[in-house]
């Protein structure tokens, strides 16, 4: 099981096309509350068990971190948990915010 890299531009296209998709943000709760990709959900050690139990394993999952590094480890781990279509967002939230500020939600 493995994951793929995803560019911010491709994620933007997927979000705009209403493609079935789950975006999970693994940054710390304060950073997430300060701004996150629209329609993303926060995922941490406390919530990952429920996520694995409830998320459809066939729905694509995009993992977001700060700069696109730790999301690769998390994406690989999720792929190992049975998710068949897992991506790590290249450049992380920082690149996303720089390129797609209109798709940043500041409400938790």
C-alpha atoms as a PDB file:
ATOM      1  CA  UNK A   1       0.000   0.000   0.000  1.00  0.00           C
ATOM      2  CA  UNK A   2       1.287   3.414  -0.905  1.00  0.00           C
ATOM      3  CA  UNK A   3       0.221   6.995  -1.457  1.00  0.00           C
ATOM      4  CA  UNK A   4       0.596   9.501  -4.283  1.00  0.00           C
ATOM      5  CA  UNK A   5       1.627  13.136  -4.346  1.00  0.00           C
ATOM      6  CA  UNK A   6      -1.025  15.715  -5.232  1.00  0.00           C
ATOM      7  CA  UNK A   7      -0.471  19.260  -6.436  1.00  0.00           C
ATOM      8  CA  UNK A   8      -2.490  22.121  -4.971  1.00  0.00           C
ATOM      9  CA  UNK A   9      -3.841  22.887  -8.454  1.00  0.00           C
ATOM     10  CA  UNK A  10      -5.215  19.353  -8.833  1.00  0.00           C
ATOM     11  CA  UNK A  11      -6.788  19.442  -5.377  1.00  0.00           C
ATOM     12  CA  UNK A  12      -8.438  22.746  -6.284  1.00  0.00           C
ATOM     13  CA  UNK A  13      -9.900  21.156  -9.430  1.00  0.00           C
ATOM     14  CA  UNK A  14     -11.198  18.201  -7.419  1.00  0.00           C
ATOM     15  CA  UNK A  15     -12.806  20.461  -4.804  1.00  0.00           C
ATOM     16  CA  UNK A  16     -14.471  22.584  -7.466  1.00  0.00           C
ATOM     17  CA  UNK A  17     -15.816  19.523  -9.276  1.00  0.00           C
ATOM     18  CA  UNK A  18     -17.456  18.172  -6.098  1.00  0.00           C
ATOM     19  CA  UNK A  19     -15.522  14.928  -6.521  1.00  0.00           C
ATOM     20  CA  UNK A  20     -16.089  12.584  -3.542  1.00  0.00           C
ATOM     21  CA  UNK A  21     -13.077  13.330  -1.392  1.00  0.00           C
ATOM     22  CA  UNK A  22     -11.944  13.581   2.222  1.00  0.00           C
ATOM     23  CA  UNK A  23      -9.322  16.193   3.125  1.00  0.00           C
ATOM     24  CA  UNK A  24      -7.672  15.691   6.511  1.00  0.00           C
ATOM     25  CA  UNK A  25      -5.390  18.263   8.135  1.00  0.00           C
ATOM     26  CA  UNK A  26      -2.838  16.879  10.585  1.00  0.00           C
ATOM     27  CA  UNK A  27      -1.452  20.215  11.801  1.00  0.00           C
ATOM     28  CA  UNK A  28      -1.887  21.180  15.434  1.00  0.00           C
ATOM     29  CA  UNK A  29      -5.408  22.260  16.529  1.00  0.00           C
ATOM     30  CA  UNK A  30      -4.480  25.935  16.912  1.00  0.00           C
ATOM     31  CA  UNK A  31      -3.045  26.114  13.395  1.00  0.00           C
ATOM     32  CA  UNK A  32      -6.120  24.350  12.007  1.00  0.00           C
ATOM     33  CA  UNK A  33      -8.414  26.780  13.841  1.00  0.00           C
ATOM     34  CA  UNK A  34      -6.451  29.708  12.404  1.00  0.00           C
ATOM     35  CA  UNK A  35      -7.127  28.590   8.855  1.00  0.00           C
ATOM     36  CA  UNK A  36      -7.570  25.385   6.870  1.00  0.00           C
ATOM     37  CA  UNK A  37      -8.597  24.197   3.433  1.00  0.00           C
ATOM     38  CA  UNK A  38     -12.334  24.639   2.989  1.00  0.00           C
ATOM     39  CA  UNK A  39     -14.224  21.412   3.848  1.00  0.00           C
ATOM     40  CA  UNK A  40     -11.182  19.783   5.465  1.00  0.00           C
ATOM     41  CA  UNK A  41     -11.335  18.116   8.855  1.00  0.00           C
ATOM     42  CA  UNK A  42      -8.763  18.047  11.608  1.00  0.00           C
ATOM     43  CA  UNK A  43      -7.147  14.676  12.251  1.00  0.00           C
ATOM     44  CA  UNK A  44      -4.915  13.862  15.206  1.00  0.00           C
ATOM     45  CA  UNK A  45      -4.086  10.952  17.491  1.00  0.00           C
ATOM     46  CA  UNK A  46      -7.345  11.477  19.398  1.00  0.00           C
ATOM     47  CA  UNK A  47      -9.590  11.370  16.304  1.00  0.00           C
ATOM     48  CA  UNK A  48      -7.812   8.987  13.945  1.00  0.00           C
ATOM     49  CA  UNK A  49      -9.475   5.859  15.377  1.00  0.00           C
ATOM     50  CA  UNK A  50     -12.965   7.195  14.738  1.00  0.00           C
ATOM     51  CA  UNK A  51     -11.881   8.400  11.290  1.00  0.00           C
ATOM     52  CA  UNK A  52     -10.652   4.930  10.333  1.00  0.00           C
ATOM     53  CA  UNK A  53     -13.878   3.368  11.613  1.00  0.00           C
ATOM     54  CA  UNK A  54     -16.190   5.816   9.830  1.00  0.00           C
ATOM     55  CA  UNK A  55     -14.492   6.965   6.600  1.00  0.00           C
ATOM     56  CA  UNK A  56     -15.279   4.910   3.498  1.00  0.00           C
ATOM     57  CA  UNK A  57     -11.981   3.219   2.529  1.00  0.00           C
ATOM     58  CA  UNK A  58     -12.665   3.675  -1.184  1.00  0.00           C
ATOM     59  CA  UNK A  59     -13.123   7.476  -0.953  1.00  0.00           C
ATOM     60  CA  UNK A  60      -9.914   9.351  -1.827  1.00  0.00           C
ATOM     61  CA  UNK A  61      -8.147  10.865   1.198  1.00  0.00           C
ATOM     62  CA  UNK A  62      -5.850  13.895   0.897  1.00  0.00           C
ATOM     63  CA  UNK A  63      -3.526  14.506   3.863  1.00  0.00           C
ATOM     64  CA  UNK A  64      -2.404  18.077   4.584  1.00  0.00           C
ATOM     65  CA  UNK A  65       0.359  19.231   6.935  1.00  0.00           C
ATOM     66  CA  UNK A  66       2.406  22.434   7.144  1.00  0.00           C
ATOM     67  CA  UNK A  67       4.821  22.003   4.222  1.00  0.00           C
ATOM     68  CA  UNK A  68       4.050  18.596   2.698  1.00  0.00           C
ATOM     69  CA  UNK A  69       6.582  16.512   4.639  1.00  0.00           C
ATOM     70  CA  UNK A  70       4.846  14.881   7.615  1.00  0.00           C
ATOM     71  CA  UNK A  71       1.724  14.375   5.481  1.00  0.00           C
ATOM     72  CA  UNK A  72       3.711  11.807   3.480  1.00  0.00           C
ATOM     73  CA  UNK A  73       4.228   9.644   6.566  1.00  0.00           C
ATOM     74  CA  UNK A  74       0.584  10.006   7.580  1.00  0.00           C
ATOM     75  CA  UNK A  75      -0.596   9.206   4.039  1.00  0.00           C
ATOM     76  CA  UNK A  76       1.565   6.102   3.944  1.00  0.00           C
ATOM     77  CA  UNK A  77       0.170   5.020   7.317  1.00  0.00           C
ATOM     78  CA  UNK A  78      -3.447   5.564   6.186  1.00  0.00           C
ATOM     79  CA  UNK A  79      -2.780   3.549   3.035  1.00  0.00           C
ATOM     80  CA  UNK A  80      -1.574   0.759   5.312  1.00  0.00           C
ATOM     81  CA  UNK A  81      -4.879   0.949   7.219  1.00  0.00           C
ATOM     82  CA  UNK A  82      -6.812  -0.044   4.101  1.00  0.00           C
ATOM     83  CA  UNK A  83      -7.514   3.269   2.386  1.00  0.00           C
ATOM     84  CA  UNK A  84      -7.063   2.577  -1.307  1.00  0.00           C
ATOM     85  CA  UNK A  85      -6.642   6.096  -2.708  1.00  0.00           C
ATOM     86  CA  UNK A  86      -4.424   8.280  -0.478  1.00  0.00           C
ATOM     87  CA  UNK A  87      -2.575  11.492  -1.358  1.00  0.00           C
ATOM     88  CA  UNK A  88      -0.121  13.849   0.312  1.00  0.00           C
ATOM     89  CA  UNK A  89      -0.623  17.498  -0.644  1.00  0.00           C
ATOM     90  CA  UNK A  90       2.614  18.851  -2.091  1.00  0.00           C
ATOM     91  CA  UNK A  91       3.721  22.050  -0.371  1.00  0.00           C
ATOM     92  CA  UNK A  92       1.236  21.525   2.447  1.00  0.00           C
ATOM     93  CA  UNK A  93      -1.096  24.157   3.816  1.00  0.00           C
ATOM     94  CA  UNK A  94       1.491  26.927   3.470  1.00  0.00           C
ATOM     95  CA  UNK A  95       1.655  26.530  -0.303  1.00  0.00           C
ATOM     96  CA  UNK A  96      -2.117  26.086  -0.482  1.00  0.00           C
ATOM     97  CA  UNK A  97      -2.686  29.319   1.448  1.00  0.00           C
ATOM     98  CA  UNK A  98      -0.264  31.153  -0.831  1.00  0.00           C
ATOM     99  CA  UNK A  99      -1.922  29.912  -4.049  1.00  0.00           C
ATOM    100  CA  UNK A 100      -5.579  29.430  -3.074  1.00  0.00           C
ATOM    101  CA  UNK A 101      -6.397  31.900  -0.298  1.00  0.00           C
ATOM    102  CA  UNK A 102     -10.026  31.995  -1.426  1.00  0.00           C
ATOM    103  CA  UNK A 103     -10.282  28.320  -0.410  1.00  0.00           C
ATOM    104  CA  UNK A 104      -9.092  28.873   3.164  1.00  0.00           C
ATOM    105  CA  UNK A 105     -11.677  28.661   5.932  1.00  0.00           C
ATOM    106  CA  UNK A 106     -10.968  30.477   9.192  1.00  0.00           C
ATOM    107  CA  UNK A 107     -13.968  29.098  11.084  1.00  0.00           C
ATOM    108  CA  UNK A 108     -13.441  25.880  12.994  1.00  0.00           C
END
